[in-house]
Amino acid sequence: MTTSNIAFADLTSHGVHPKVGAANRLDPYWDGLWASGALASWVSAESAARQERTGLARVPAPLAMDPQEAWEKFVGGYGWRRKLEVLGVLGSWRTLSAEQLAAFVGAPSIAGRSRLMDAAFACGLVDHGIFTSGLVRTHLSSRAKLFRPSGTDVFAKRVAPMLTYPELTLVTGGRKFKTGGQYDRHNLLTSELALRVAEFCDVGTVLGETYSTVDLLLGSGIGKPPIVKRNQSADATIVRADGMRVAVEITASVASLKEKVHRWAERMSTDSFARTGLNILFVGAPPPDRPHGRSQDEFLRILRKTIRRVLAEYPGVPGANLADRFWVAMWEDWFPAPGMVTESFLTLRAHRLSPGARAPWREAGILDEFEVPFEPHDPAAMTAVLSGAATVASPPVWLRRRYEPVPLHRYAMAKGGFDSVPVPHPQKPPAGAGQATPAARTSVARASARLSNAPSPDEGAIS
């Protein structure tokens, strides 16, 4: 792909707060953050306390609060929806920089010293991490701060039982809340790609790993029997406005690539594109600063060769060539230098196989509805994911606000045997509507106000 380069700062943003936009965030690919490997250094509230007791470290004063005091600060005060969004975003994307988390929830304050995140850490909900390098500042207020869900049962035992049905759906989407973390570089690259797509490309929504399972993409998520055996996930899912899905697989190594392609091809070979709307996009992102690593061209050659060999075993259903739905791109095709992006990224231009042709790989813009048309059997069913995505905290806040969320209270009422709200409608909003927390809940009417979708004052441009 040879297209002109553009600075992030020169592109029109679709909604992210400018303080934490792509032009101002640390770049997890180009900024030399992985000199010591692909994993960050992490600390939980429990491990921090142990290290301080043994004299190995001193916990910073803002984090050294009593766990019960931290719990009261987290569930009390203002901004209840934002606190739940923080948990939902971290549970979906697994590992985020402070700047990425701030961009997802529309709260630039999280990128600095945040009382919300301090309390979440001290009560055992969130781990703090840092890139490991002899030259990077390592105190927790630096730009290199990272977050992930802590591997504790605090959410399951203390938070989940106190949530309403819409609140629990906002955080978990009705699925198990994932704790702990893995593959830090991989997760940060996935999250960064999703944020850049949401900020600069014309898409319906983007969803994290939790909402990118094979079952949601090819099973119960499209009205088919659930897929429960060996239910792998893509790293992320991009959804066009017409409902077409693009499952993203970020790969920095070709070690397990063949097995991964096999699994997707096997699952997708029995359904037509019109019924699933599913594409698979493999994005090669090997470290750019490894002196003895494979070159970009060599990595791309191996990536293409592996996919081509596997797809030869899966011709697909009649009239629907499976190779049309497998795409390949390299990170540097879209982001060739720090702070720069190519025009090809704006439509996610990538390559797919053209069996039998003299040039076997042909290029197209995945997000271009003319180059990659999609005619679903059931258009309404394919686009239902957009209102569903507005109900969960995985997508960036500006994408969620484009669509009316699913009215979950109706499902809760139906389950309880009611066809209308079983309390009188209030004559005027209760004090603090939209800011209330669990301690302030007194009625169904007030409970619904806890999830007000009104933008918060510090969301700036996305308001």
Protein backbone atom coordinates (compact mmCIF):
# COMPACT_ATOMS: atom_id res chain seq x y z
CA MET A 1 0.00 0.00 0.00
CA THR A 2 1.48 3.32 -1.05
CA THR A 3 -0.59 6.28 0.10
CA SER A 4 0.31 9.68 1.47
CA ASN A 5 1.05 10.15 5.16
CA ILE A 6 -0.99 12.43 7.41
CA ALA A 7 -0.36 13.62 10.96
CA PHE A 8 -2.97 12.52 13.49
CA ALA A 9 -3.33 16.17 14.50
CA ASP A 10 -4.44 17.06 10.95
CA LEU A 11 -7.30 14.56 10.83
CA THR A 12 -10.87 15.33 11.84
CA SER A 13 -11.71 13.58 15.10
CA HIS A 14 -15.15 12.00 15.51
CA GLY A 15 -15.39 12.68 19.21
CA VAL A 16 -12.50 11.81 21.54
CA HIS A 17 -11.52 14.43 24.10
CA PRO A 18 -8.60 16.32 22.49
CA LYS A 19 -6.40 15.95 25.60
CA VAL A 20 -6.33 12.17 25.14
CA GLY A 21 -6.72 11.91 21.36
CA ALA A 22 -4.39 9.80 19.21
CA ALA A 23 -2.17 12.82 18.55
CA ASN A 24 -1.44 13.19 22.28
CA ARG A 25 -1.38 9.62 23.61
CA LEU A 26 1.74 7.52 24.04
CA ASP A 27 2.17 5.26 21.03
CA PRO A 28 2.45 1.62 22.20
CA TYR A 29 4.08 0.63 18.90
CA TRP A 30 6.60 3.37 18.10
CA ASP A 31 7.51 4.96 21.43
CA GLY A 32 10.08 2.37 22.53
CA LEU A 33 8.07 1.10 25.48
CA TRP A 34 8.94 -2.59 25.18
CA ALA A 35 12.70 -2.72 25.48
CA SER A 36 12.37 -5.30 28.28
CA GLY A 37 9.83 -7.54 26.57
CA ALA A 38 6.11 -7.55 25.89
CA LEU A 39 4.98 -7.51 29.55
CA ALA A 40 4.66 -4.57 31.92
CA SER A 41 5.44 -4.52 35.65
CA TRP A 42 2.29 -4.78 37.80
CA VAL A 43 1.30 -4.24 41.41
CA SER A 44 -1.99 -4.99 43.17
CA ALA A 45 -3.17 -3.54 46.48
CA GLU A 46 -2.30 -6.84 48.19
CA SER A 47 1.20 -7.14 46.70
CA ALA A 48 1.88 -3.45 47.41
CA ALA A 49 1.00 -3.96 51.08
CA ARG A 50 3.27 -7.01 51.28
CA GLN A 51 6.18 -5.14 49.70
CA GLU A 52 5.77 -2.26 52.13
CA ARG A 53 5.64 -4.60 55.14
CA THR A 54 8.92 -6.21 54.10
CA GLY A 55 10.57 -2.86 53.39
CA LEU A 56 10.94 -3.45 49.64
CA ALA A 57 8.87 -0.45 48.64
CA ARG A 58 6.78 2.40 49.95
CA VAL A 59 3.19 2.77 48.80
CA PRO A 60 2.45 6.32 47.57
CA ALA A 61 0.25 8.22 50.01
CA PRO A 62 -2.82 8.49 47.70
CA LEU A 63 -2.86 4.69 47.35
CA ALA A 64 -2.10 3.86 50.97
CA MET A 65 -5.68 4.16 52.21
CA ASP A 66 -7.57 1.65 54.28
CA PRO A 67 -9.45 -0.84 52.04
CA GLN A 68 -12.79 -0.02 53.68
CA GLU A 69 -12.17 3.70 53.28
CA ALA A 70 -11.30 3.06 49.61
CA TRP A 71 -14.48 1.05 49.16
CA GLU A 72 -16.62 3.84 50.62
CA LYS A 73 -14.95 6.36 48.34
CA PHE A 74 -15.54 4.17 45.30
CA VAL A 75 -19.24 3.50 45.91
CA GLY A 76 -19.98 6.95 47.39
CA GLY A 77 -19.80 10.46 46.02
CA TYR A 78 -20.53 11.39 42.43
CA GLY A 79 -19.93 9.86 39.01
CA TRP A 80 -21.39 6.40 39.59
CA ARG A 81 -21.88 5.74 35.88
CA ARG A 82 -18.29 6.70 35.13
CA LYS A 83 -17.01 4.28 37.78
CA LEU A 84 -18.99 1.47 36.21
CA GLU A 85 -17.79 2.45 32.74
CA VAL A 86 -14.18 2.25 33.95
CA LEU A 87 -14.77 -1.30 35.19
CA GLY A 88 -16.62 -2.25 32.00
CA VAL A 89 -13.92 -0.89 29.69
CA LEU A 90 -11.13 -2.60 31.63
CA GLY A 91 -13.05 -5.87 31.74
CA SER A 92 -13.55 -5.78 27.99
CA TRP A 93 -10.10 -4.64 26.79
CA ARG A 94 -8.08 -6.22 29.66
CA THR A 95 -5.06 -3.87 29.68
CA LEU A 96 -5.14 -0.11 29.02
CA SER A 97 -2.84 2.83 29.47
CA ALA A 98 -4.26 5.62 31.63
CA GLU A 99 -4.56 7.75 28.48
CA GLN A 100 -6.44 5.01 26.62
CA LEU A 101 -8.84 4.48 29.52
CA ALA A 102 -9.43 8.23 29.71
CA ALA A 103 -10.21 8.29 25.99
CA PHE A 104 -12.65 5.36 26.19
CA VAL A 105 -14.72 6.87 29.01
CA GLY A 106 -14.30 10.53 28.04
CA ALA A 107 -12.55 11.55 31.26
CA PRO A 108 -9.09 13.11 30.70
CA SER A 109 -8.65 13.42 34.47
CA ILE A 110 -8.03 9.64 34.62
CA ALA A 111 -4.79 10.17 32.68
CA GLY A 112 -3.38 12.10 35.65
CA ARG A 113 -3.70 11.57 39.37
CA SER A 114 -7.24 10.24 39.70
CA ARG A 115 -9.02 9.74 43.03
CA LEU A 116 -11.39 7.35 41.28
CA MET A 117 -8.53 5.08 40.18
CA ASP A 118 -6.73 5.42 43.52
CA ALA A 119 -9.84 4.15 45.32
CA ALA A 120 -10.36 1.36 42.76
CA PHE A 121 -6.77 0.23 43.37
CA ALA A 122 -6.89 0.38 47.15
CA CYS A 123 -10.12 -1.63 47.44
CA GLY A 124 -8.78 -4.36 45.14
CA LEU A 125 -10.64 -3.70 41.88
CA VAL A 126 -7.76 -2.49 39.69
CA ASP A 127 -4.04 -3.21 39.37
CA HIS A 128 -1.51 -0.50 38.50
CA GLY A 129 1.26 -1.16 36.00
CA ILE A 130 4.23 0.57 34.44
CA PHE A 131 6.42 0.02 31.39
CA THR A 132 9.80 -1.32 32.48
CA SER A 133 12.80 0.62 31.21
CA GLY A 134 15.82 2.24 32.74
CA LEU A 135 14.91 5.53 31.08
CA VAL A 136 11.14 5.71 31.67
CA ARG A 137 9.89 7.47 34.79
CA THR A 138 8.17 4.87 36.90
CA HIS A 139 6.15 6.72 39.51
CA LEU A 140 2.42 6.18 39.22
CA SER A 141 1.55 9.71 38.08
CA SER A 142 3.61 9.41 34.89
CA ARG A 143 2.19 9.04 31.39
CA ALA A 144 3.35 5.44 31.35
CA LYS A 145 0.75 4.34 33.91
CA LEU A 146 -1.28 1.22 33.05
CA PHE A 147 -4.44 -0.36 34.43
CA ARG A 148 -6.03 -3.81 34.35
CA PRO A 149 -8.81 -5.56 36.34
CA SER A 150 -7.32 -7.00 39.52
CA GLY A 151 -7.35 -10.77 39.94
CA THR A 152 -9.55 -10.65 43.03
CA ASP A 153 -13.17 -11.49 43.81
CA VAL A 154 -14.03 -7.93 44.91
CA PHE A 155 -16.19 -7.28 41.86
CA ALA A 156 -18.01 -10.63 42.04
CA LYS A 157 -18.62 -10.53 45.79
CA ARG A 158 -19.05 -6.84 46.57
CA VAL A 159 -19.83 -4.85 43.42
CA ALA A 160 -22.01 -7.16 41.32
CA PRO A 161 -24.59 -7.93 44.06
CA MET A 162 -25.36 -4.23 44.53
CA LEU A 163 -25.92 -3.44 40.84
CA THR A 164 -29.21 -3.09 39.05
CA TYR A 165 -29.77 -5.15 35.91
CA PRO A 166 -28.89 -2.24 33.55
CA GLU A 167 -25.77 -1.47 35.60
CA LEU A 168 -24.55 -5.06 35.57
CA THR A 169 -25.17 -5.17 31.82
CA LEU A 170 -23.20 -1.94 31.37
CA VAL A 171 -20.17 -3.52 33.04
CA THR A 172 -20.34 -7.15 31.91
CA GLY A 173 -22.86 -7.40 29.06
CA GLY A 174 -24.35 -10.36 30.93
CA ARG A 175 -21.06 -12.26 30.75
CA LYS A 176 -18.48 -13.20 33.37
CA PHE A 177 -16.33 -10.27 34.46
CA LYS A 178 -12.74 -11.07 33.48
CA THR A 179 -10.02 -10.31 35.99
CA GLY A 180 -6.26 -10.36 35.75
CA GLY A 181 -4.38 -9.59 32.56
CA GLN A 182 -2.16 -11.08 29.91
CA TYR A 183 -0.05 -10.08 26.88
CA ASP A 184 0.28 -6.40 27.76
CA ARG A 185 1.80 -5.19 24.48
CA HIS A 186 -0.77 -7.16 22.50
CA ASN A 187 -3.68 -5.72 24.51
CA LEU A 188 -2.42 -2.14 24.30
CA LEU A 189 -1.96 -2.38 20.53
CA THR A 190 -5.47 -3.81 20.13
CA SER A 191 -6.98 -1.04 22.26
CA GLU A 192 -5.01 1.63 20.43
CA LEU A 193 -6.15 0.37 17.03
CA ALA A 194 -9.78 0.33 18.22
CA LEU A 195 -9.53 3.89 19.56
CA ARG A 196 -7.99 5.15 16.31
CA VAL A 197 -10.71 3.44 14.25
CA ALA A 198 -13.38 4.99 16.48
CA GLU A 199 -11.75 8.43 16.31
CA PHE A 200 -11.03 8.70 12.59
CA CYS A 201 -13.00 6.07 10.62
CA ASP A 202 -16.68 5.88 9.71
CA VAL A 203 -17.86 2.88 11.75
CA GLY A 204 -20.88 1.87 13.77
CA THR A 205 -19.01 0.69 16.83
CA VAL A 206 -15.95 -1.17 18.12
CA LEU A 207 -16.02 -3.89 20.80
CA GLY A 208 -13.35 -5.52 22.92
CA GLU A 209 -12.34 -9.13 23.44
CA THR A 210 -15.24 -9.93 25.79
CA TYR A 211 -17.72 -9.20 23.00
CA SER A 212 -15.69 -10.81 20.22
CA THR A 213 -16.21 -14.47 21.02
CA VAL A 214 -16.96 -17.05 18.34
CA ASP A 215 -20.33 -17.59 20.00
CA LEU A 216 -21.33 -13.93 19.65
CA LEU A 217 -19.98 -13.67 16.11
CA LEU A 218 -21.17 -17.02 14.74
CA GLY A 219 -23.47 -18.56 17.35
CA SER A 220 -26.02 -17.10 19.75
CA GLY A 221 -25.04 -13.56 18.75
CA ILE A 222 -26.63 -14.07 15.31
CA GLY A 223 -29.56 -16.20 16.45
CA LYS A 224 -27.95 -19.62 16.07
CA PRO A 225 -27.36 -22.31 18.73
CA PRO A 226 -24.70 -21.25 21.25
CA ILE A 227 -21.11 -22.27 20.62
CA VAL A 228 -19.75 -23.31 24.00
CA LYS A 229 -16.96 -25.74 23.17
CA ARG A 230 -13.54 -24.15 22.66
CA ASN A 231 -15.11 -20.73 22.42
CA GLN A 232 -12.15 -18.61 21.33
CA SER A 233 -12.29 -14.84 20.88
CA ALA A 234 -10.94 -12.33 18.43
CA ASP A 235 -8.98 -9.45 19.93
CA ALA A 236 -11.61 -6.90 18.94
CA THR A 237 -14.57 -6.44 16.61
CA ILE A 238 -15.25 -3.48 14.33
CA VAL A 239 -18.86 -3.11 13.17
CA ARG A 240 -19.82 -1.07 10.12
CA ALA A 241 -23.03 0.97 10.16
CA ASP A 242 -24.69 -1.69 7.98
CA GLY A 243 -23.88 -4.38 10.57
CA MET A 244 -20.93 -6.03 8.81
CA ARG A 245 -18.43 -7.35 11.34
CA VAL A 246 -14.63 -7.27 11.18
CA ALA A 247 -13.01 -9.51 13.80
CA VAL A 248 -9.46 -8.24 14.42
CA GLU A 249 -6.52 -10.49 15.23
CA ILE A 250 -3.34 -8.63 16.18
CA THR A 251 -0.27 -10.83 15.75
CA ALA A 252 3.34 -10.09 16.64
CA SER A 253 4.48 -13.65 15.97
CA VAL A 254 3.67 -16.32 13.42
CA ALA A 255 4.24 -19.14 15.92
CA SER A 256 0.55 -20.06 16.46
CA LEU A 257 -0.85 -18.34 13.39
CA LYS A 258 -1.71 -21.52 11.45
CA GLU A 259 -3.81 -22.91 14.28
CA LYS A 260 -5.64 -19.60 14.69
CA VAL A 261 -6.48 -19.35 10.98
CA HIS A 262 -7.65 -22.98 10.99
CA ARG A 263 -10.06 -22.35 13.85
CA TRP A 264 -11.67 -19.34 12.17
CA ALA A 265 -11.85 -20.99 8.75
CA GLU A 266 -13.45 -24.12 10.19
CA ARG A 267 -16.12 -22.11 11.99
CA MET A 268 -16.85 -19.79 9.07
CA SER A 269 -16.88 -22.40 6.31
CA THR A 270 -20.43 -23.59 7.05
CA ASP A 271 -22.20 -20.22 6.85
CA SER A 272 -22.65 -17.67 4.11
CA PHE A 273 -21.41 -14.10 4.42
CA ALA A 274 -25.00 -12.84 4.09
CA ARG A 275 -25.96 -14.66 7.30
CA THR A 276 -22.95 -13.81 9.47
CA GLY A 277 -21.52 -10.62 7.97
CA LEU A 278 -18.15 -11.70 9.38
CA ASN A 279 -14.67 -10.84 8.11
CA ILE A 280 -11.37 -11.71 9.80
CA LEU A 281 -8.59 -9.13 9.69
CA PHE A 282 -5.06 -10.22 10.63
CA VAL A 283 -2.85 -7.25 11.51
CA GLY A 284 0.87 -7.99 11.69
CA ALA A 285 2.54 -5.95 14.42
CA PRO A 286 6.01 -7.36 15.15
CA PRO A 287 8.20 -5.13 17.33
CA PRO A 288 9.82 -2.49 15.11
CA ASP A 289 12.96 -2.19 17.23
CA ARG A 290 14.17 -5.79 17.42
CA PRO A 291 17.57 -5.90 15.63
CA HIS A 292 17.36 -9.63 14.85
CA GLY A 293 13.63 -9.87 14.20
CA ARG A 294 11.99 -10.56 10.87
CA SER A 295 11.65 -7.63 8.50
CA GLN A 296 8.19 -6.27 7.78
CA ASP A 297 8.25 -7.76 4.26
CA GLU A 298 9.30 -11.19 5.52
CA PHE A 299 6.67 -11.16 8.25
CA LEU A 300 3.97 -10.22 5.73
CA ARG A 301 5.13 -12.95 3.34
CA ILE A 302 4.84 -15.62 6.05
CA LEU A 303 1.48 -14.25 7.16
CA ARG A 304 0.06 -14.42 3.64
CA LYS A 305 1.58 -17.82 2.91
CA THR A 306 0.05 -19.35 6.05
CA ILE A 307 -3.41 -17.94 5.37
CA ARG A 308 -3.31 -19.02 1.73
CA ARG A 309 -2.38 -22.61 2.61
CA VAL A 310 -5.05 -22.93 5.27
CA LEU A 311 -7.83 -21.44 3.14
CA ALA A 312 -7.04 -23.91 0.37
CA GLU A 313 -8.58 -26.52 2.69
CA TYR A 314 -11.79 -24.52 3.16
CA PRO A 315 -13.44 -23.47 -0.12
CA GLY A 316 -16.57 -22.27 1.68
CA VAL A 317 -20.20 -22.76 0.70
CA PRO A 318 -21.36 -22.55 -2.96
CA GLY A 319 -21.39 -18.97 -4.21
CA ALA A 320 -19.46 -17.66 -1.21
CA ASN A 321 -15.67 -17.86 -1.40
CA LEU A 322 -14.25 -18.00 2.14
CA ALA A 323 -11.06 -16.29 0.98
CA ASP A 324 -13.07 -13.11 0.37
CA ARG A 325 -13.53 -12.77 4.12
CA PHE A 326 -9.92 -13.13 5.29
CA TRP A 327 -7.83 -9.95 5.23
CA VAL A 328 -4.18 -9.11 5.90
CA ALA A 329 -2.52 -5.81 6.77
CA MET A 330 0.62 -4.67 8.54
CA TRP A 331 0.60 -2.10 11.33
CA GLU A 332 3.15 0.01 9.49
CA ASP A 333 0.95 0.05 6.37
CA TRP A 334 -1.40 2.27 8.34
CA PHE A 335 0.92 3.87 10.91
CA PRO A 336 4.33 4.27 9.23
CA ALA A 337 5.92 6.57 11.82
CA PRO A 338 5.21 8.10 15.24
CA GLY A 339 2.22 10.44 15.06
CA MET A 340 1.56 9.58 11.41
CA VAL A 341 -1.21 7.69 9.61
CA THR A 342 -1.76 6.83 5.95
CA GLU A 343 -4.92 7.50 3.95
CA SER A 344 -5.36 3.74 3.59
CA PHE A 345 -6.22 3.48 7.29
CA LEU A 346 -9.33 5.63 6.96
CA THR A 347 -11.11 2.81 5.09
CA LEU A 348 -8.96 -0.01 6.54
CA ARG A 349 -7.42 -0.89 3.21
CA ALA A 350 -6.04 -4.43 3.37
CA HIS A 351 -5.42 -7.42 1.11
CA ARG A 352 -7.43 -10.58 0.53
CA LEU A 353 -6.86 -13.58 -1.69
CA SER A 354 -7.95 -13.71 -5.31
CA PRO A 355 -7.76 -17.45 -6.10
CA GLY A 356 -6.52 -18.29 -9.58
CA ALA A 357 -5.44 -14.75 -10.41
CA ARG A 358 -1.93 -13.91 -11.58
CA ALA A 359 -1.62 -11.50 -8.63
CA PRO A 360 -3.17 -13.59 -5.83
CA TRP A 361 -3.65 -10.75 -3.32
CA ARG A 362 -5.94 -7.83 -4.13
CA GLU A 363 -6.49 -4.66 -2.14
CA ALA A 364 -9.76 -3.09 -0.96
CA GLY A 365 -11.08 -0.83 1.76
CA ILE A 366 -12.91 -3.01 4.28
CA LEU A 367 -14.97 -0.05 5.50
CA ASP A 368 -15.86 1.04 1.95
CA GLU A 369 -19.41 -0.24 1.32
CA PHE A 370 -18.89 -0.03 -2.45
CA GLU A 371 -15.61 -1.95 -2.52
CA VAL A 372 -16.83 -4.49 0.06
CA PRO A 373 -20.64 -4.65 -0.26
CA PHE A 374 -22.76 -6.44 2.30
CA GLU A 375 -26.29 -7.62 1.60
CA PRO A 376 -27.52 -9.36 4.74
CA HIS A 377 -30.40 -11.83 4.79
CA ASP A 378 -31.83 -9.95 7.80
CA PRO A 379 -30.64 -6.31 7.88
CA ALA A 380 -32.42 -5.50 11.16
CA ALA A 381 -30.80 -8.44 12.92
CA MET A 382 -27.35 -7.41 11.68
CA THR A 383 -27.66 -3.80 12.87
CA ALA A 384 -29.21 -4.70 16.24
CA VAL A 385 -25.67 -4.97 17.59
CA LEU A 386 -25.34 -1.17 17.42
CA SER A 387 -28.07 -0.50 19.99
CA GLY A 388 -26.82 -3.45 22.01
CA ALA A 389 -23.31 -1.98 22.01
CA ALA A 390 -24.70 1.33 23.30
CA THR A 391 -25.84 -0.58 26.40
CA VAL A 392 -22.38 -1.84 27.41
CA ALA A 393 -19.22 0.06 28.34
CA SER A 394 -16.86 -1.58 25.85
CA PRO A 395 -17.09 0.97 22.97
CA PRO A 396 -15.68 4.50 23.33
CA VAL A 397 -18.25 6.83 24.84
CA TRP A 398 -18.79 8.92 21.67
CA LEU A 399 -19.78 5.84 19.66
CA ARG A 400 -22.19 4.66 22.36
CA ARG A 401 -24.01 7.99 22.33
CA ARG A 402 -24.88 7.68 18.64
CA TYR A 403 -27.47 4.97 19.29
CA GLU A 404 -30.40 4.51 21.63
CA PRO A 405 -29.50 1.83 24.19
CA VAL A 406 -31.63 -1.28 24.56
CA PRO A 407 -34.40 -0.49 27.14
CA LEU A 408 -33.22 -3.09 29.62
CA HIS A 409 -35.70 -2.05 32.30
CA ARG A 410 -38.46 -3.61 30.18
CA TYR A 411 -36.79 -7.00 30.34
CA ALA A 412 -36.34 -6.68 34.09
CA MET A 413 -40.01 -5.73 34.54
CA ALA A 414 -41.21 -8.58 32.34
CA LYS A 415 -39.11 -11.03 34.34
CA GLY A 416 -40.78 -9.75 37.51
CA GLY A 417 -44.25 -10.03 36.01
CA PHE A 418 -44.86 -6.29 35.49
CA ASP A 419 -45.91 -4.55 32.28
CA SER A 420 -45.27 -1.04 33.65
CA VAL A 421 -43.06 0.58 36.27
CA PRO A 422 -44.60 -0.41 39.64
CA VAL A 423 -44.11 3.02 41.28
CA PRO A 424 -45.63 6.44 40.52
CA HIS A 425 -43.68 8.58 38.09
CA PRO A 426 -41.95 11.41 40.02
CA GLN A 427 -43.25 14.91 39.44
CA LYS A 428 -39.73 16.32 39.27
CA PRO A 429 -36.29 14.72 39.07
CA PRO A 430 -34.85 13.78 42.47
CA ALA A 431 -31.95 15.84 43.77
CA GLY A 432 -28.73 14.77 42.12
CA ALA A 433 -30.42 12.90 39.27
CA GLY A 434 -27.81 11.28 37.10
CA GLN A 435 -25.20 11.49 39.83
CA ALA A 436 -26.77 9.25 42.46
CA THR A 437 -24.82 6.29 43.83
CA PRO A 438 -25.94 3.05 45.50
CA ALA A 439 -26.28 4.74 48.88
CA ALA A 440 -28.88 7.13 47.42
CA ARG A 441 -31.14 4.49 45.85
CA THR A 442 -34.71 4.68 47.18
CA SER A 443 -36.96 3.75 44.24
CA VAL A 444 -37.07 2.34 40.73
CA ALA A 445 -37.31 5.88 39.40
CA ARG A 446 -34.14 6.98 41.19
CA ALA A 447 -32.33 3.78 40.31
CA SER A 448 -32.91 4.47 36.62
CA ALA A 449 -31.47 7.97 37.07
CA ARG A 450 -28.17 6.45 38.21
CA LEU A 451 -27.41 5.55 34.62
CA SER A 452 -28.21 8.91 33.07
CA ASN A 453 -26.48 9.11 29.68
CA ALA A 454 -25.91 12.88 29.90
CA PRO A 455 -22.31 13.87 29.16
CA SER A 456 -20.18 14.85 32.16
CA PRO A 457 -18.73 18.38 32.24
CA ASP A 458 -15.12 17.30 31.58
CA GLU A 459 -15.93 15.42 28.38
CA GLY A 460 -15.31 18.60 26.43
CA ALA A 461 -15.49 18.02 22.68
CA ILE A 462 -17.61 14.89 22.93
CA SER A 463 -20.44 16.74 24.66
